[in-house]
Amino acid sequence: MGIAFQIADDLLDILGSENQTGKSLGSDIEKQKLKLPLIRLLSQSGEPETTRIRELLTHLGRKTRAALAPYLERSDAVSYAQQRADEFASAARRQLQCLDDSPAKQILEAITEFAIHRSY
């Protein structure tokens, strides 16, 4: 579940709205931490785009997230990261199947959904 949560958090950091999330975004980018969406973006981009993306990530500014947006929109990086988060959350839910039905189990199942479907 932790991996699913982290991937979803990485997506929020890249795509989220500070007004909606209530937290400062882009901190991972500012710290030059490559997370799954950016790793996927770089691995799927051609040479000219990869060079430009690396340039954006090296010379950070207030508009880096906005400058990355068109590259993310043209790639499968976001959908790939969402899919991986879903897979990890599903694996977490499968681990709960051994438990008897109870309010606690229902809460744990709900947490797996909440963690990956937070708005950005």
N, C-alpha and C. Protein backbone atom coordinates (compact mmCIF):
# COMPACT_ATOMS: atom_id res chain seq x y z
N MET A 1 0.82 -1.19 0.00
CA MET A 1 0.00 0.00 0.00
C MET A 1 0.86 1.25 0.00
N GLY A 2 1.98 1.17 0.68
CA GLY A 2 2.87 2.32 0.76
C GLY A 2 3.39 2.75 -0.59
N ILE A 3 3.71 1.79 -1.45
CA ILE A 3 4.21 2.12 -2.78
C ILE A 3 3.10 2.79 -3.60
N ALA A 4 1.89 2.26 -3.51
CA ALA A 4 0.76 2.86 -4.22
C ALA A 4 0.55 4.30 -3.77
N PHE A 5 0.60 4.52 -2.46
CA PHE A 5 0.44 5.86 -1.91
C PHE A 5 1.54 6.79 -2.43
N GLN A 6 2.78 6.31 -2.44
CA GLN A 6 3.90 7.14 -2.86
C GLN A 6 3.79 7.53 -4.33
N ILE A 7 3.40 6.59 -5.18
CA ILE A 7 3.24 6.90 -6.61
C ILE A 7 2.15 7.95 -6.79
N ALA A 8 1.04 7.78 -6.08
CA ALA A 8 -0.04 8.77 -6.16
C ALA A 8 0.44 10.13 -5.66
N ASP A 9 1.24 10.12 -4.61
CA ASP A 9 1.79 11.37 -4.08
C ASP A 9 2.73 12.03 -5.09
N ASP A 10 3.50 11.21 -5.80
CA ASP A 10 4.40 11.74 -6.84
C ASP A 10 3.60 12.39 -7.95
N LEU A 11 2.48 11.79 -8.32
CA LEU A 11 1.61 12.38 -9.35
C LEU A 11 1.04 13.71 -8.86
N LEU A 12 0.63 13.74 -7.61
CA LEU A 12 0.11 15.00 -7.05
C LEU A 12 1.18 16.09 -7.08
N ASP A 13 2.41 15.73 -6.76
CA ASP A 13 3.50 16.70 -6.72
C ASP A 13 3.75 17.31 -8.10
N ILE A 14 3.55 16.52 -9.14
CA ILE A 14 3.80 16.98 -10.50
C ILE A 14 2.59 17.68 -11.10
N LEU A 15 1.39 17.13 -10.85
CA LEU A 15 0.19 17.59 -11.54
C LEU A 15 -0.81 18.35 -10.68
N GLY A 16 -0.64 18.25 -9.38
CA GLY A 16 -1.65 18.75 -8.47
C GLY A 16 -1.80 20.26 -8.46
N SER A 17 -2.91 20.66 -7.90
CA SER A 17 -3.21 22.07 -7.68
C SER A 17 -3.01 22.34 -6.20
N GLU A 18 -2.21 23.36 -5.88
CA GLU A 18 -1.96 23.68 -4.48
C GLU A 18 -3.26 24.05 -3.78
N ASN A 19 -4.20 24.65 -4.49
CA ASN A 19 -5.48 25.00 -3.88
C ASN A 19 -6.26 23.75 -3.49
N GLN A 20 -6.21 22.71 -4.33
CA GLN A 20 -6.95 21.48 -4.04
C GLN A 20 -6.26 20.63 -3.00
N THR A 21 -4.95 20.50 -3.09
CA THR A 21 -4.23 19.61 -2.19
C THR A 21 -3.94 20.25 -0.84
N GLY A 22 -3.86 21.57 -0.81
CA GLY A 22 -3.56 22.26 0.43
C GLY A 22 -2.11 22.12 0.86
N LYS A 23 -1.25 21.72 -0.07
CA LYS A 23 0.17 21.61 0.27
C LYS A 23 1.01 22.19 -0.84
N SER A 24 2.24 22.51 -0.52
CA SER A 24 3.17 23.04 -1.50
C SER A 24 3.57 21.92 -2.45
N LEU A 25 3.48 22.19 -3.74
CA LEU A 25 3.77 21.16 -4.73
C LEU A 25 5.05 21.48 -5.47
N GLY A 26 5.58 20.47 -6.13
CA GLY A 26 6.78 20.63 -6.91
C GLY A 26 8.06 20.47 -6.11
N SER A 27 7.91 20.08 -4.84
CA SER A 27 9.10 19.99 -3.99
C SER A 27 10.05 18.89 -4.44
N ASP A 28 9.51 17.77 -4.94
CA ASP A 28 10.39 16.70 -5.43
C ASP A 28 11.17 17.16 -6.65
N ILE A 29 10.52 17.90 -7.52
CA ILE A 29 11.19 18.42 -8.70
C ILE A 29 12.30 19.39 -8.28
N GLU A 30 11.97 20.28 -7.34
CA GLU A 30 12.96 21.25 -6.87
C GLU A 30 14.18 20.57 -6.24
N LYS A 31 13.95 19.41 -5.63
CA LYS A 31 15.05 18.67 -5.01
C LYS A 31 15.71 17.72 -6.00
N GLN A 32 15.28 17.81 -7.25
CA GLN A 32 15.79 16.97 -8.34
C GLN A 32 15.65 15.48 -8.05
N LYS A 33 14.52 15.13 -7.44
CA LYS A 33 14.21 13.73 -7.18
C LYS A 33 13.39 13.20 -8.34
N LEU A 34 13.92 12.23 -9.03
CA LEU A 34 13.18 11.62 -10.13
C LEU A 34 12.23 10.58 -9.56
N LYS A 35 10.98 10.75 -9.84
CA LYS A 35 9.95 9.82 -9.39
C LYS A 35 9.39 9.09 -10.60
N LEU A 36 8.58 8.10 -10.37
CA LEU A 36 8.11 7.22 -11.45
C LEU A 36 7.56 7.96 -12.67
N PRO A 37 6.70 8.95 -12.52
CA PRO A 37 6.20 9.62 -13.73
C PRO A 37 7.32 10.24 -14.58
N LEU A 38 8.29 10.86 -13.93
CA LEU A 38 9.38 11.49 -14.68
C LEU A 38 10.35 10.45 -15.23
N ILE A 39 10.57 9.38 -14.49
CA ILE A 39 11.42 8.30 -15.00
C ILE A 39 10.79 7.71 -16.26
N ARG A 40 9.49 7.47 -16.20
CA ARG A 40 8.78 6.93 -17.37
C ARG A 40 8.84 7.92 -18.53
N LEU A 41 8.63 9.18 -18.25
CA LEU A 41 8.69 10.21 -19.29
C LEU A 41 10.04 10.20 -19.98
N LEU A 42 11.10 10.20 -19.21
CA LEU A 42 12.45 10.20 -19.79
C LEU A 42 12.74 8.92 -20.56
N SER A 43 12.25 7.79 -20.07
CA SER A 43 12.54 6.52 -20.75
C SER A 43 11.77 6.35 -22.04
N GLN A 44 10.67 7.07 -22.20
CA GLN A 44 9.83 6.93 -23.38
C GLN A 44 10.00 8.07 -24.40
N SER A 45 10.77 9.07 -24.04
CA SER A 45 10.94 10.22 -24.92
C SER A 45 12.10 10.01 -25.89
N GLY A 46 11.99 10.67 -27.03
CA GLY A 46 13.08 10.65 -28.00
C GLY A 46 14.21 11.56 -27.55
N GLU A 47 15.32 11.50 -28.28
CA GLU A 47 16.51 12.25 -27.88
C GLU A 47 16.30 13.76 -27.74
N PRO A 48 15.69 14.44 -28.68
CA PRO A 48 15.53 15.89 -28.49
C PRO A 48 14.68 16.23 -27.26
N GLU A 49 13.60 15.48 -27.06
CA GLU A 49 12.73 15.74 -25.91
C GLU A 49 13.45 15.40 -24.61
N THR A 50 14.16 14.29 -24.58
CA THR A 50 14.88 13.90 -23.37
C THR A 50 15.88 14.97 -22.96
N THR A 51 16.57 15.50 -23.94
CA THR A 51 17.54 16.57 -23.66
C THR A 51 16.84 17.78 -23.07
N ARG A 52 15.71 18.17 -23.65
CA ARG A 52 14.98 19.34 -23.15
C ARG A 52 14.42 19.10 -21.75
N ILE A 53 13.90 17.90 -21.52
CA ILE A 53 13.35 17.57 -20.20
C ILE A 53 14.45 17.59 -19.15
N ARG A 54 15.59 17.00 -19.48
CA ARG A 54 16.73 17.01 -18.53
C ARG A 54 17.18 18.44 -18.26
N GLU A 55 17.14 19.27 -19.28
CA GLU A 55 17.50 20.68 -19.12
C GLU A 55 16.53 21.36 -18.15
N LEU A 56 15.25 21.11 -18.32
CA LEU A 56 14.25 21.68 -17.42
C LEU A 56 14.48 21.22 -15.98
N LEU A 57 14.82 19.96 -15.82
CA LEU A 57 15.02 19.39 -14.49
C LEU A 57 16.33 19.85 -13.85
N THR A 58 17.27 20.28 -14.66
CA THR A 58 18.56 20.74 -14.17
C THR A 58 18.52 22.22 -13.82
N HIS A 59 17.82 23.00 -14.62
CA HIS A 59 17.72 24.45 -14.41
C HIS A 59 16.32 24.78 -13.90
N LEU A 60 16.13 24.50 -12.66
CA LEU A 60 14.81 24.63 -12.07
C LEU A 60 14.40 26.07 -11.88
N GLY A 61 13.12 26.27 -12.00
CA GLY A 61 12.54 27.59 -11.75
C GLY A 61 11.11 27.42 -11.30
N ARG A 62 10.47 28.53 -11.07
CA ARG A 62 9.08 28.50 -10.60
C ARG A 62 8.13 27.86 -11.62
N LYS A 63 8.52 27.88 -12.88
CA LYS A 63 7.62 27.39 -13.92
C LYS A 63 8.01 26.01 -14.46
N THR A 64 8.86 25.30 -13.75
CA THR A 64 9.32 24.00 -14.23
C THR A 64 8.16 23.03 -14.39
N ARG A 65 7.27 22.97 -13.38
CA ARG A 65 6.12 22.05 -13.48
C ARG A 65 5.28 22.37 -14.71
N ALA A 66 5.03 23.64 -14.95
CA ALA A 66 4.24 24.04 -16.12
C ALA A 66 4.96 23.71 -17.41
N ALA A 67 6.26 23.86 -17.44
CA ALA A 67 7.04 23.55 -18.64
C ALA A 67 7.07 22.06 -18.93
N LEU A 68 6.97 21.25 -17.89
CA LEU A 68 6.95 19.79 -18.07
C LEU A 68 5.59 19.28 -18.54
N ALA A 69 4.54 20.03 -18.26
CA ALA A 69 3.17 19.58 -18.53
C ALA A 69 2.95 19.12 -19.97
N PRO A 70 3.38 19.86 -20.99
CA PRO A 70 3.14 19.38 -22.37
C PRO A 70 3.82 18.04 -22.67
N TYR A 71 4.99 17.85 -22.10
CA TYR A 71 5.69 16.57 -22.31
C TYR A 71 4.93 15.43 -21.64
N LEU A 72 4.43 15.69 -20.45
CA LEU A 72 3.65 14.68 -19.74
C LEU A 72 2.35 14.35 -20.48
N GLU A 73 1.72 15.38 -21.03
CA GLU A 73 0.46 15.18 -21.76
C GLU A 73 0.66 14.35 -23.02
N ARG A 74 1.80 14.50 -23.67
CA ARG A 74 2.07 13.76 -24.91
C ARG A 74 2.56 12.34 -24.65
N SER A 75 2.88 12.03 -23.43
CA SER A 75 3.43 10.72 -23.12
C SER A 75 2.40 9.88 -22.35
N ASP A 76 2.80 8.66 -22.07
CA ASP A 76 1.95 7.79 -21.24
C ASP A 76 2.42 7.78 -19.79
N ALA A 77 3.28 8.72 -19.42
CA ALA A 77 3.90 8.71 -18.09
C ALA A 77 2.87 8.77 -16.97
N VAL A 78 1.88 9.62 -17.11
CA VAL A 78 0.86 9.76 -16.06
C VAL A 78 0.00 8.52 -15.98
N SER A 79 -0.50 8.04 -17.11
CA SER A 79 -1.35 6.85 -17.09
C SER A 79 -0.57 5.63 -16.63
N TYR A 80 0.70 5.55 -17.02
CA TYR A 80 1.54 4.44 -16.57
C TYR A 80 1.68 4.46 -15.05
N ALA A 81 1.98 5.64 -14.49
CA ALA A 81 2.14 5.75 -13.04
C ALA A 81 0.82 5.44 -12.32
N GLN A 82 -0.29 5.92 -12.87
CA GLN A 82 -1.60 5.62 -12.27
C GLN A 82 -1.87 4.12 -12.29
N GLN A 83 -1.55 3.49 -13.40
CA GLN A 83 -1.75 2.04 -13.53
C GLN A 83 -0.91 1.29 -12.50
N ARG A 84 0.34 1.69 -12.34
CA ARG A 84 1.22 1.03 -11.36
C ARG A 84 0.68 1.24 -9.94
N ALA A 85 0.20 2.43 -9.62
CA ALA A 85 -0.39 2.68 -8.30
C ALA A 85 -1.60 1.78 -8.10
N ASP A 86 -2.45 1.66 -9.12
CA ASP A 86 -3.62 0.78 -9.04
C ASP A 86 -3.20 -0.67 -8.80
N GLU A 87 -2.16 -1.11 -9.47
CA GLU A 87 -1.68 -2.48 -9.30
C GLU A 87 -1.21 -2.73 -7.87
N PHE A 88 -0.46 -1.80 -7.32
CA PHE A 88 0.01 -1.97 -5.94
C PHE A 88 -1.14 -1.91 -4.95
N ALA A 89 -2.12 -1.04 -5.19
CA ALA A 89 -3.29 -0.97 -4.30
C ALA A 89 -4.11 -2.25 -4.39
N SER A 90 -4.25 -2.79 -5.59
CA SER A 90 -4.97 -4.06 -5.76
C SER A 90 -4.26 -5.19 -5.02
N ALA A 91 -2.95 -5.20 -5.09
CA ALA A 91 -2.17 -6.22 -4.36
C ALA A 91 -2.41 -6.09 -2.85
N ALA A 92 -2.48 -4.86 -2.38
CA ALA A 92 -2.74 -4.63 -0.95
C ALA A 92 -4.13 -5.14 -0.58
N ARG A 93 -5.12 -4.88 -1.43
CA ARG A 93 -6.48 -5.37 -1.16
C ARG A 93 -6.52 -6.90 -1.17
N ARG A 94 -5.77 -7.52 -2.06
CA ARG A 94 -5.74 -8.99 -2.08
C ARG A 94 -5.19 -9.55 -0.77
N GLN A 95 -4.25 -8.85 -0.17
CA GLN A 95 -3.70 -9.30 1.11
C GLN A 95 -4.74 -9.24 2.22
N LEU A 96 -5.77 -8.43 2.04
CA LEU A 96 -6.83 -8.31 3.05
C LEU A 96 -7.87 -9.42 2.93
N GLN A 97 -7.85 -10.18 1.86
CA GLN A 97 -8.87 -11.20 1.63
C GLN A 97 -8.89 -12.28 2.71
N CYS A 98 -7.78 -12.49 3.36
CA CYS A 98 -7.71 -13.52 4.41
C CYS A 98 -8.45 -13.10 5.68
N LEU A 99 -8.79 -11.83 5.78
CA LEU A 99 -9.48 -11.33 6.97
C LEU A 99 -10.98 -11.52 6.84
N ASP A 100 -11.64 -11.78 7.97
CA ASP A 100 -13.09 -11.84 7.98
C ASP A 100 -13.65 -10.45 7.69
N ASP A 101 -14.84 -10.42 7.08
CA ASP A 101 -15.48 -9.13 6.85
C ASP A 101 -15.74 -8.44 8.19
N SER A 102 -15.39 -7.19 8.23
CA SER A 102 -15.57 -6.41 9.46
C SER A 102 -15.46 -4.94 9.10
N PRO A 103 -15.89 -4.07 9.98
CA PRO A 103 -15.71 -2.64 9.73
C PRO A 103 -14.24 -2.27 9.53
N ALA A 104 -13.35 -2.89 10.29
CA ALA A 104 -11.92 -2.59 10.16
C ALA A 104 -11.41 -2.97 8.77
N LYS A 105 -11.82 -4.12 8.27
CA LYS A 105 -11.40 -4.55 6.93
C LYS A 105 -11.94 -3.59 5.88
N GLN A 106 -13.17 -3.17 6.04
CA GLN A 106 -13.77 -2.22 5.09
C GLN A 106 -13.01 -0.90 5.08
N ILE A 107 -12.58 -0.46 6.24
CA ILE A 107 -11.81 0.78 6.33
C ILE A 107 -10.48 0.62 5.62
N LEU A 108 -9.81 -0.49 5.84
CA LEU A 108 -8.53 -0.74 5.18
C LEU A 108 -8.70 -0.78 3.66
N GLU A 109 -9.76 -1.41 3.19
CA GLU A 109 -10.03 -1.44 1.75
C GLU A 109 -10.31 -0.04 1.22
N ALA A 110 -11.05 0.74 1.97
CA ALA A 110 -11.35 2.11 1.56
C ALA A 110 -10.09 2.96 1.51
N ILE A 111 -9.18 2.73 2.43
CA ILE A 111 -7.93 3.49 2.45
C ILE A 111 -7.14 3.24 1.17
N THR A 112 -7.15 2.00 0.67
CA THR A 112 -6.41 1.71 -0.56
C THR A 112 -6.98 2.50 -1.73
N GLU A 113 -8.28 2.69 -1.74
CA GLU A 113 -8.92 3.48 -2.80
C GLU A 113 -8.62 4.97 -2.62
N PHE A 114 -8.75 5.46 -1.43
CA PHE A 114 -8.51 6.88 -1.16
C PHE A 114 -7.07 7.27 -1.52
N ALA A 115 -6.14 6.43 -1.14
CA ALA A 115 -4.72 6.76 -1.33
C ALA A 115 -4.36 6.99 -2.79
N ILE A 116 -4.99 6.27 -3.70
CA ILE A 116 -4.61 6.39 -5.10
C ILE A 116 -5.54 7.27 -5.91
N HIS A 117 -6.65 7.66 -5.34
CA HIS A 117 -7.61 8.47 -6.09
C HIS A 117 -7.76 9.88 -5.53
N ARG A 118 -6.72 10.37 -4.89
CA ARG A 118 -6.74 11.75 -4.43
C ARG A 118 -6.70 12.66 -5.65
N SER A 119 -7.33 13.78 -5.56
CA SER A 119 -7.43 14.68 -6.72
C SER A 119 -6.16 15.44 -6.96
N TYR A 120 -5.89 15.66 -8.25
CA TYR A 120 -4.82 16.56 -8.65
C TYR A 120 -5.33 17.39 -9.77
